[in-house]
N, C-alpha and C. Protein backbone atom coordinates (compact mmCIF):
# COMPACT_ATOMS: atom_id res chain seq x y z
N MET A 1 61.35 2.58 -74.99
CA MET A 1 60.72 1.64 -74.08
C MET A 1 59.45 2.24 -73.48
N SER A 2 59.40 3.55 -73.37
CA SER A 2 58.22 4.16 -72.76
C SER A 2 56.98 4.05 -73.64
N ASN A 3 57.15 3.85 -74.92
CA ASN A 3 55.98 3.76 -75.79
C ASN A 3 55.62 2.30 -76.10
N ALA A 4 56.09 1.35 -75.30
CA ALA A 4 55.79 -0.07 -75.52
C ALA A 4 54.31 -0.34 -75.21
N ASP A 5 53.73 -1.20 -76.02
CA ASP A 5 52.33 -1.58 -75.84
C ASP A 5 52.26 -2.75 -74.85
N LEU A 6 52.09 -2.43 -73.57
CA LEU A 6 52.11 -3.47 -72.54
C LEU A 6 50.80 -4.22 -72.44
N ARG A 7 49.71 -3.67 -72.88
CA ARG A 7 48.41 -4.30 -72.74
C ARG A 7 47.89 -4.88 -74.04
N GLY A 8 48.48 -4.56 -75.12
CA GLY A 8 47.91 -4.84 -76.42
C GLY A 8 47.92 -6.28 -76.89
N ASN A 9 48.99 -6.75 -77.42
CA ASN A 9 49.00 -7.99 -78.16
C ASN A 9 49.66 -9.16 -77.41
N ARG A 10 49.57 -9.15 -76.13
CA ARG A 10 50.15 -10.25 -75.36
C ARG A 10 49.17 -11.42 -75.33
N PRO A 11 49.65 -12.64 -75.41
CA PRO A 11 48.74 -13.79 -75.31
C PRO A 11 48.23 -13.94 -73.89
N LEU A 12 46.99 -14.33 -73.77
CA LEU A 12 46.38 -14.54 -72.47
C LEU A 12 46.31 -16.03 -72.16
N SER A 13 46.55 -16.37 -70.93
CA SER A 13 46.43 -17.76 -70.51
C SER A 13 44.94 -18.09 -70.34
N PRO A 14 44.49 -19.23 -70.85
CA PRO A 14 43.07 -19.56 -70.70
C PRO A 14 42.71 -19.85 -69.25
N HIS A 15 41.52 -19.48 -68.88
CA HIS A 15 41.03 -19.70 -67.53
C HIS A 15 40.59 -21.15 -67.38
N LEU A 16 40.45 -21.59 -66.13
CA LEU A 16 40.03 -22.97 -65.88
C LEU A 16 38.67 -23.28 -66.48
N GLN A 17 37.83 -22.28 -66.66
CA GLN A 17 36.51 -22.51 -67.24
C GLN A 17 36.60 -22.84 -68.72
N ILE A 18 37.73 -22.56 -69.35
CA ILE A 18 37.91 -22.86 -70.76
C ILE A 18 38.19 -24.35 -70.95
N TYR A 19 38.96 -24.93 -70.04
CA TYR A 19 39.34 -26.32 -70.17
C TYR A 19 38.18 -27.24 -69.86
N LYS A 20 38.04 -28.31 -70.62
CA LYS A 20 37.06 -29.34 -70.32
C LYS A 20 37.71 -30.30 -69.34
N PRO A 21 37.14 -30.48 -68.14
CA PRO A 21 37.78 -31.37 -67.18
C PRO A 21 37.78 -32.82 -67.68
N ILE A 22 38.94 -33.42 -67.67
CA ILE A 22 39.05 -34.83 -68.04
C ILE A 22 39.52 -35.60 -66.81
N LEU A 23 39.40 -36.90 -66.87
CA LEU A 23 39.66 -37.73 -65.70
C LEU A 23 41.10 -37.59 -65.22
N THR A 24 42.05 -37.54 -66.12
CA THR A 24 43.44 -37.42 -65.67
C THR A 24 43.71 -36.06 -65.02
N MET A 25 43.02 -35.01 -65.45
CA MET A 25 43.17 -33.71 -64.82
C MET A 25 42.62 -33.75 -63.40
N VAL A 26 41.45 -34.36 -63.24
CA VAL A 26 40.84 -34.48 -61.92
C VAL A 26 41.72 -35.34 -61.02
N MET A 27 42.29 -36.40 -61.57
CA MET A 27 43.16 -37.26 -60.77
C MET A 27 44.41 -36.52 -60.31
N SER A 28 44.93 -35.63 -61.14
CA SER A 28 46.09 -34.84 -60.75
C SER A 28 45.74 -33.92 -59.59
N ILE A 29 44.57 -33.31 -59.64
CA ILE A 29 44.13 -32.42 -58.57
C ILE A 29 43.90 -33.23 -57.29
N VAL A 30 43.25 -34.38 -57.40
CA VAL A 30 43.01 -35.23 -56.22
C VAL A 30 44.32 -35.73 -55.63
N HIS A 31 45.30 -36.03 -56.49
CA HIS A 31 46.61 -36.48 -56.01
C HIS A 31 47.25 -35.39 -55.15
N ARG A 32 47.13 -34.14 -55.57
CA ARG A 32 47.68 -33.04 -54.78
C ARG A 32 46.92 -32.86 -53.48
N ILE A 33 45.60 -33.01 -53.52
CA ILE A 33 44.79 -32.86 -52.31
C ILE A 33 45.11 -33.97 -51.32
N THR A 34 45.24 -35.21 -51.81
CA THR A 34 45.57 -36.31 -50.89
C THR A 34 46.96 -36.13 -50.31
N GLY A 35 47.87 -35.58 -51.09
CA GLY A 35 49.20 -35.30 -50.56
C GLY A 35 49.15 -34.31 -49.41
N ALA A 36 48.32 -33.28 -49.55
CA ALA A 36 48.15 -32.31 -48.47
C ALA A 36 47.44 -32.95 -47.27
N ALA A 37 46.48 -33.83 -47.53
CA ALA A 37 45.76 -34.49 -46.44
C ALA A 37 46.67 -35.42 -45.65
N LEU A 38 47.69 -35.94 -46.30
CA LEU A 38 48.62 -36.81 -45.60
C LEU A 38 49.42 -36.05 -44.54
N TYR A 39 49.62 -34.76 -44.74
CA TYR A 39 50.27 -33.95 -43.69
C TYR A 39 49.41 -33.95 -42.44
N PHE A 40 48.10 -33.75 -42.59
CA PHE A 40 47.19 -33.76 -41.45
C PHE A 40 47.18 -35.14 -40.79
N GLY A 41 47.17 -36.20 -41.59
CA GLY A 41 47.19 -37.56 -41.04
C GLY A 41 48.47 -37.87 -40.29
N THR A 42 49.58 -37.30 -40.74
CA THR A 42 50.84 -37.50 -40.03
C THR A 42 50.80 -36.83 -38.66
N VAL A 43 50.13 -35.70 -38.56
CA VAL A 43 49.95 -35.04 -37.27
C VAL A 43 49.12 -35.94 -36.34
N LEU A 44 48.08 -36.57 -36.89
CA LEU A 44 47.27 -37.49 -36.09
C LEU A 44 48.10 -38.68 -35.60
N LEU A 45 48.93 -39.22 -36.48
CA LEU A 45 49.79 -40.34 -36.09
C LEU A 45 50.78 -39.91 -35.02
N ALA A 46 51.38 -38.73 -35.17
CA ALA A 46 52.32 -38.23 -34.17
C ALA A 46 51.62 -38.02 -32.83
N TRP A 47 50.39 -37.50 -32.87
CA TRP A 47 49.63 -37.29 -31.63
C TRP A 47 49.39 -38.62 -30.93
N TRP A 48 49.05 -39.65 -31.70
CA TRP A 48 48.80 -40.98 -31.13
C TRP A 48 50.07 -41.54 -30.50
N LEU A 49 51.22 -41.38 -31.16
CA LEU A 49 52.48 -41.86 -30.62
C LEU A 49 52.90 -41.07 -29.37
N ILE A 50 52.67 -39.78 -29.38
CA ILE A 50 52.98 -38.97 -28.20
C ILE A 50 52.08 -39.37 -27.04
N ALA A 51 50.82 -39.66 -27.34
CA ALA A 51 49.90 -40.10 -26.29
C ALA A 51 50.34 -41.44 -25.72
N ALA A 52 50.85 -42.32 -26.56
CA ALA A 52 51.35 -43.62 -26.07
C ALA A 52 52.55 -43.42 -25.16
N ALA A 53 53.38 -42.45 -25.45
CA ALA A 53 54.56 -42.19 -24.62
C ALA A 53 54.20 -41.41 -23.35
N ALA A 54 53.08 -40.67 -23.38
CA ALA A 54 52.71 -39.83 -22.24
C ALA A 54 52.14 -40.63 -21.08
N GLY A 55 51.56 -41.74 -21.35
CA GLY A 55 51.00 -42.54 -20.26
C GLY A 55 49.66 -43.14 -20.62
N PRO A 56 49.22 -44.10 -19.81
CA PRO A 56 47.99 -44.84 -20.16
C PRO A 56 46.72 -43.99 -20.14
N SER A 57 46.61 -43.01 -19.25
CA SER A 57 45.36 -42.24 -19.20
C SER A 57 45.22 -41.35 -20.44
N TYR A 58 46.30 -40.69 -20.84
CA TYR A 58 46.23 -39.84 -22.04
C TYR A 58 46.07 -40.69 -23.30
N PHE A 59 46.71 -41.87 -23.31
CA PHE A 59 46.57 -42.77 -24.45
C PHE A 59 45.13 -43.25 -24.58
N ASP A 60 44.48 -43.55 -23.46
CA ASP A 60 43.07 -43.94 -23.50
C ASP A 60 42.19 -42.79 -23.99
N PHE A 61 42.54 -41.56 -23.61
CA PHE A 61 41.79 -40.39 -24.08
C PHE A 61 41.87 -40.27 -25.60
N VAL A 62 43.10 -40.37 -26.14
CA VAL A 62 43.27 -40.24 -27.59
C VAL A 62 42.62 -41.42 -28.32
N ASN A 63 42.76 -42.61 -27.78
CA ASN A 63 42.10 -43.77 -28.39
C ASN A 63 40.58 -43.62 -28.37
N GLY A 64 40.06 -42.98 -27.35
CA GLY A 64 38.61 -42.73 -27.30
C GLY A 64 38.18 -41.80 -28.42
N ILE A 65 39.00 -40.79 -28.70
CA ILE A 65 38.69 -39.88 -29.80
C ILE A 65 38.77 -40.62 -31.13
N TYR A 66 39.85 -41.37 -31.33
CA TYR A 66 40.02 -42.10 -32.59
C TYR A 66 38.99 -43.22 -32.74
N GLY A 67 38.49 -43.74 -31.64
CA GLY A 67 37.51 -44.81 -31.69
C GLY A 67 36.08 -44.34 -31.89
N SER A 68 35.85 -43.04 -31.80
CA SER A 68 34.49 -42.52 -32.01
C SER A 68 34.14 -42.61 -33.50
N ILE A 69 32.88 -42.39 -33.79
CA ILE A 69 32.42 -42.46 -35.18
C ILE A 69 33.16 -41.43 -36.04
N ILE A 70 33.26 -40.21 -35.55
CA ILE A 70 33.95 -39.17 -36.31
C ILE A 70 35.43 -39.50 -36.45
N GLY A 71 36.04 -40.00 -35.38
CA GLY A 71 37.45 -40.37 -35.43
C GLY A 71 37.71 -41.48 -36.44
N ARG A 72 36.84 -42.48 -36.44
CA ARG A 72 37.00 -43.58 -37.40
C ARG A 72 36.77 -43.11 -38.84
N LEU A 73 35.85 -42.19 -39.02
CA LEU A 73 35.61 -41.64 -40.35
C LEU A 73 36.84 -40.87 -40.84
N ILE A 74 37.46 -40.11 -39.95
CA ILE A 74 38.68 -39.38 -40.31
C ILE A 74 39.80 -40.37 -40.61
N LEU A 75 39.95 -41.41 -39.79
CA LEU A 75 40.99 -42.41 -40.04
C LEU A 75 40.73 -43.17 -41.33
N PHE A 76 39.46 -43.44 -41.64
CA PHE A 76 39.13 -44.09 -42.91
C PHE A 76 39.53 -43.18 -44.08
N GLY A 77 39.23 -41.90 -43.97
CA GLY A 77 39.63 -40.96 -45.01
C GLY A 77 41.13 -40.86 -45.14
N PHE A 78 41.85 -40.90 -44.01
CA PHE A 78 43.31 -40.87 -44.06
C PHE A 78 43.84 -42.13 -44.75
N THR A 79 43.25 -43.27 -44.45
CA THR A 79 43.67 -44.52 -45.10
C THR A 79 43.44 -44.44 -46.60
N TRP A 80 42.26 -43.94 -47.00
CA TRP A 80 42.00 -43.81 -48.43
C TRP A 80 42.99 -42.84 -49.09
N ALA A 81 43.26 -41.70 -48.44
CA ALA A 81 44.21 -40.74 -49.00
C ALA A 81 45.59 -41.36 -49.16
N LEU A 82 46.00 -42.15 -48.18
CA LEU A 82 47.31 -42.80 -48.24
C LEU A 82 47.38 -43.79 -49.39
N VAL A 83 46.35 -44.63 -49.51
CA VAL A 83 46.34 -45.64 -50.58
C VAL A 83 46.21 -44.96 -51.94
N HIS A 84 45.34 -43.98 -52.05
CA HIS A 84 45.14 -43.28 -53.32
C HIS A 84 46.41 -42.57 -53.76
N HIS A 85 47.07 -41.92 -52.83
CA HIS A 85 48.31 -41.21 -53.16
C HIS A 85 49.40 -42.21 -53.56
N MET A 86 49.43 -43.35 -52.90
CA MET A 86 50.42 -44.38 -53.25
C MET A 86 50.17 -44.91 -54.67
N LEU A 87 48.93 -45.21 -54.99
CA LEU A 87 48.62 -45.71 -56.33
C LEU A 87 48.87 -44.64 -57.39
N GLY A 88 48.58 -43.39 -57.05
CA GLY A 88 48.90 -42.30 -57.98
C GLY A 88 50.40 -42.18 -58.19
N GLY A 89 51.17 -42.40 -57.13
CA GLY A 89 52.62 -42.40 -57.26
C GLY A 89 53.12 -43.52 -58.14
N LEU A 90 52.50 -44.69 -58.02
CA LEU A 90 52.86 -45.81 -58.90
C LEU A 90 52.52 -45.50 -60.36
N ARG A 91 51.41 -44.82 -60.56
CA ARG A 91 51.03 -44.41 -61.91
C ARG A 91 52.06 -43.45 -62.49
N HIS A 92 52.52 -42.52 -61.67
CA HIS A 92 53.55 -41.59 -62.13
C HIS A 92 54.88 -42.31 -62.35
N PHE A 93 55.15 -43.33 -61.56
CA PHE A 93 56.37 -44.10 -61.76
C PHE A 93 56.36 -44.80 -63.12
N VAL A 94 55.20 -45.36 -63.48
CA VAL A 94 55.08 -45.99 -64.79
C VAL A 94 55.30 -44.96 -65.89
N TRP A 95 54.74 -43.77 -65.71
CA TRP A 95 54.95 -42.71 -66.70
C TRP A 95 56.43 -42.31 -66.76
N ASP A 96 57.10 -42.28 -65.61
CA ASP A 96 58.53 -41.95 -65.59
C ASP A 96 59.36 -42.97 -66.35
N MET A 97 58.86 -44.19 -66.41
CA MET A 97 59.56 -45.23 -67.16
C MET A 97 59.30 -45.12 -68.66
N GLY A 98 58.41 -44.21 -69.06
CA GLY A 98 58.14 -43.98 -70.47
C GLY A 98 56.99 -44.77 -71.03
N ALA A 99 56.15 -45.34 -70.17
CA ALA A 99 55.02 -46.15 -70.64
C ALA A 99 53.71 -45.50 -70.20
N GLY A 100 52.62 -45.91 -70.84
CA GLY A 100 51.29 -45.50 -70.42
C GLY A 100 50.88 -44.11 -70.84
N PHE A 101 51.43 -43.59 -71.92
CA PHE A 101 51.09 -42.24 -72.34
C PHE A 101 49.93 -42.19 -73.34
N GLY A 102 49.50 -43.32 -73.85
CA GLY A 102 48.38 -43.32 -74.79
C GLY A 102 47.08 -42.95 -74.09
N LYS A 103 46.10 -42.50 -74.86
CA LYS A 103 44.84 -42.05 -74.27
C LYS A 103 44.15 -43.18 -73.51
N GLU A 104 44.12 -44.37 -74.09
CA GLU A 104 43.46 -45.50 -73.43
C GLU A 104 44.20 -45.88 -72.15
N ALA A 105 45.53 -45.87 -72.20
CA ALA A 105 46.32 -46.23 -71.03
C ALA A 105 46.14 -45.21 -69.91
N ARG A 106 46.12 -43.93 -70.25
CA ARG A 106 45.92 -42.89 -69.23
C ARG A 106 44.56 -43.04 -68.57
N GLU A 107 43.54 -43.27 -69.37
CA GLU A 107 42.19 -43.45 -68.81
C GLU A 107 42.13 -44.70 -67.94
N TRP A 108 42.76 -45.78 -68.41
CA TRP A 108 42.75 -47.03 -67.64
C TRP A 108 43.46 -46.83 -66.30
N PHE A 109 44.62 -46.17 -66.31
CA PHE A 109 45.35 -45.92 -65.07
C PHE A 109 44.53 -45.07 -64.11
N ALA A 110 43.85 -44.07 -64.62
CA ALA A 110 43.05 -43.20 -63.76
C ALA A 110 41.90 -43.98 -63.12
N LYS A 111 41.20 -44.77 -63.92
CA LYS A 111 40.10 -45.58 -63.37
C LYS A 111 40.61 -46.63 -62.41
N ALA A 112 41.75 -47.26 -62.73
CA ALA A 112 42.32 -48.27 -61.85
C ALA A 112 42.74 -47.65 -60.52
N THR A 113 43.23 -46.43 -60.55
CA THR A 113 43.62 -45.76 -59.31
C THR A 113 42.41 -45.50 -58.42
N ILE A 114 41.32 -45.06 -59.02
CA ILE A 114 40.11 -44.80 -58.23
C ILE A 114 39.55 -46.10 -57.65
N ILE A 115 39.35 -47.08 -58.51
CA ILE A 115 38.76 -48.34 -58.06
C ILE A 115 39.70 -49.05 -57.09
N GLY A 116 40.98 -49.06 -57.41
CA GLY A 116 41.95 -49.73 -56.55
C GLY A 116 42.07 -49.09 -55.19
N SER A 117 42.04 -47.76 -55.15
CA SER A 117 42.18 -47.10 -53.85
C SER A 117 40.98 -47.37 -52.95
N VAL A 118 39.79 -47.34 -53.50
CA VAL A 118 38.60 -47.62 -52.70
C VAL A 118 38.60 -49.09 -52.26
N ALA A 119 38.90 -50.00 -53.19
CA ALA A 119 38.89 -51.43 -52.86
C ALA A 119 39.96 -51.77 -51.81
N LEU A 120 41.17 -51.27 -51.99
CA LEU A 120 42.23 -51.56 -51.03
C LEU A 120 41.95 -50.96 -49.66
N THR A 121 41.34 -49.79 -49.62
CA THR A 121 41.00 -49.17 -48.34
C THR A 121 39.97 -50.03 -47.60
N VAL A 122 38.95 -50.46 -48.31
CA VAL A 122 37.92 -51.31 -47.68
C VAL A 122 38.54 -52.63 -47.22
N ILE A 123 39.39 -53.23 -48.04
CA ILE A 123 40.04 -54.48 -47.66
C ILE A 123 40.91 -54.30 -46.42
N LEU A 124 41.68 -53.21 -46.38
CA LEU A 124 42.52 -52.95 -45.21
C LEU A 124 41.70 -52.79 -43.94
N TRP A 125 40.56 -52.11 -44.04
CA TRP A 125 39.72 -51.94 -42.86
C TRP A 125 39.03 -53.24 -42.45
N ILE A 126 38.66 -54.05 -43.42
CA ILE A 126 38.07 -55.36 -43.08
C ILE A 126 39.11 -56.22 -42.37
N ILE A 127 40.34 -56.24 -42.88
CA ILE A 127 41.41 -57.00 -42.24
C ILE A 127 41.69 -56.44 -40.84
N GLY A 128 41.69 -55.12 -40.72
CA GLY A 128 41.92 -54.49 -39.41
C GLY A 128 40.88 -54.87 -38.39
N TYR A 129 39.61 -54.92 -38.80
CA TYR A 129 38.56 -55.32 -37.87
C TYR A 129 38.60 -56.81 -37.59
N ALA A 130 39.00 -57.61 -38.56
CA ALA A 130 39.07 -59.05 -38.37
C ALA A 130 40.20 -59.43 -37.41
N VAL A 131 41.30 -58.71 -37.46
CA VAL A 131 42.44 -59.02 -36.60
C VAL A 131 42.20 -58.55 -35.17
N SER A 132 41.54 -57.41 -35.01
CA SER A 132 41.36 -56.86 -33.66
C SER A 132 40.24 -57.51 -32.89
């Protein structure tokens, strides 16, 4: 065992620079990023609920932060991450059912997830402003 060639003929894993990025690979990475972003958004939601329970003055303070331009931009990003992650989950559900594995179907699902997440986020915000 002492004379084993530990460095010699072992296969090397290719680096990320070797792979050509394709849309489904990028969508997988974005799905993971949006999943992580949802943790941050859940903290924001919990803070808002705690502020509502703490009293009207603290609730007004938190609503002032969320109502600012930066706060609304963060909430818009959280909404997009939520919708995008949901549509990505539906895409994975279809794959779990054994469908959509062809190249055209994978590309279509990836494009539909991008377009659908942006469109649904904008629609949700338009409805939110129309109702309030």
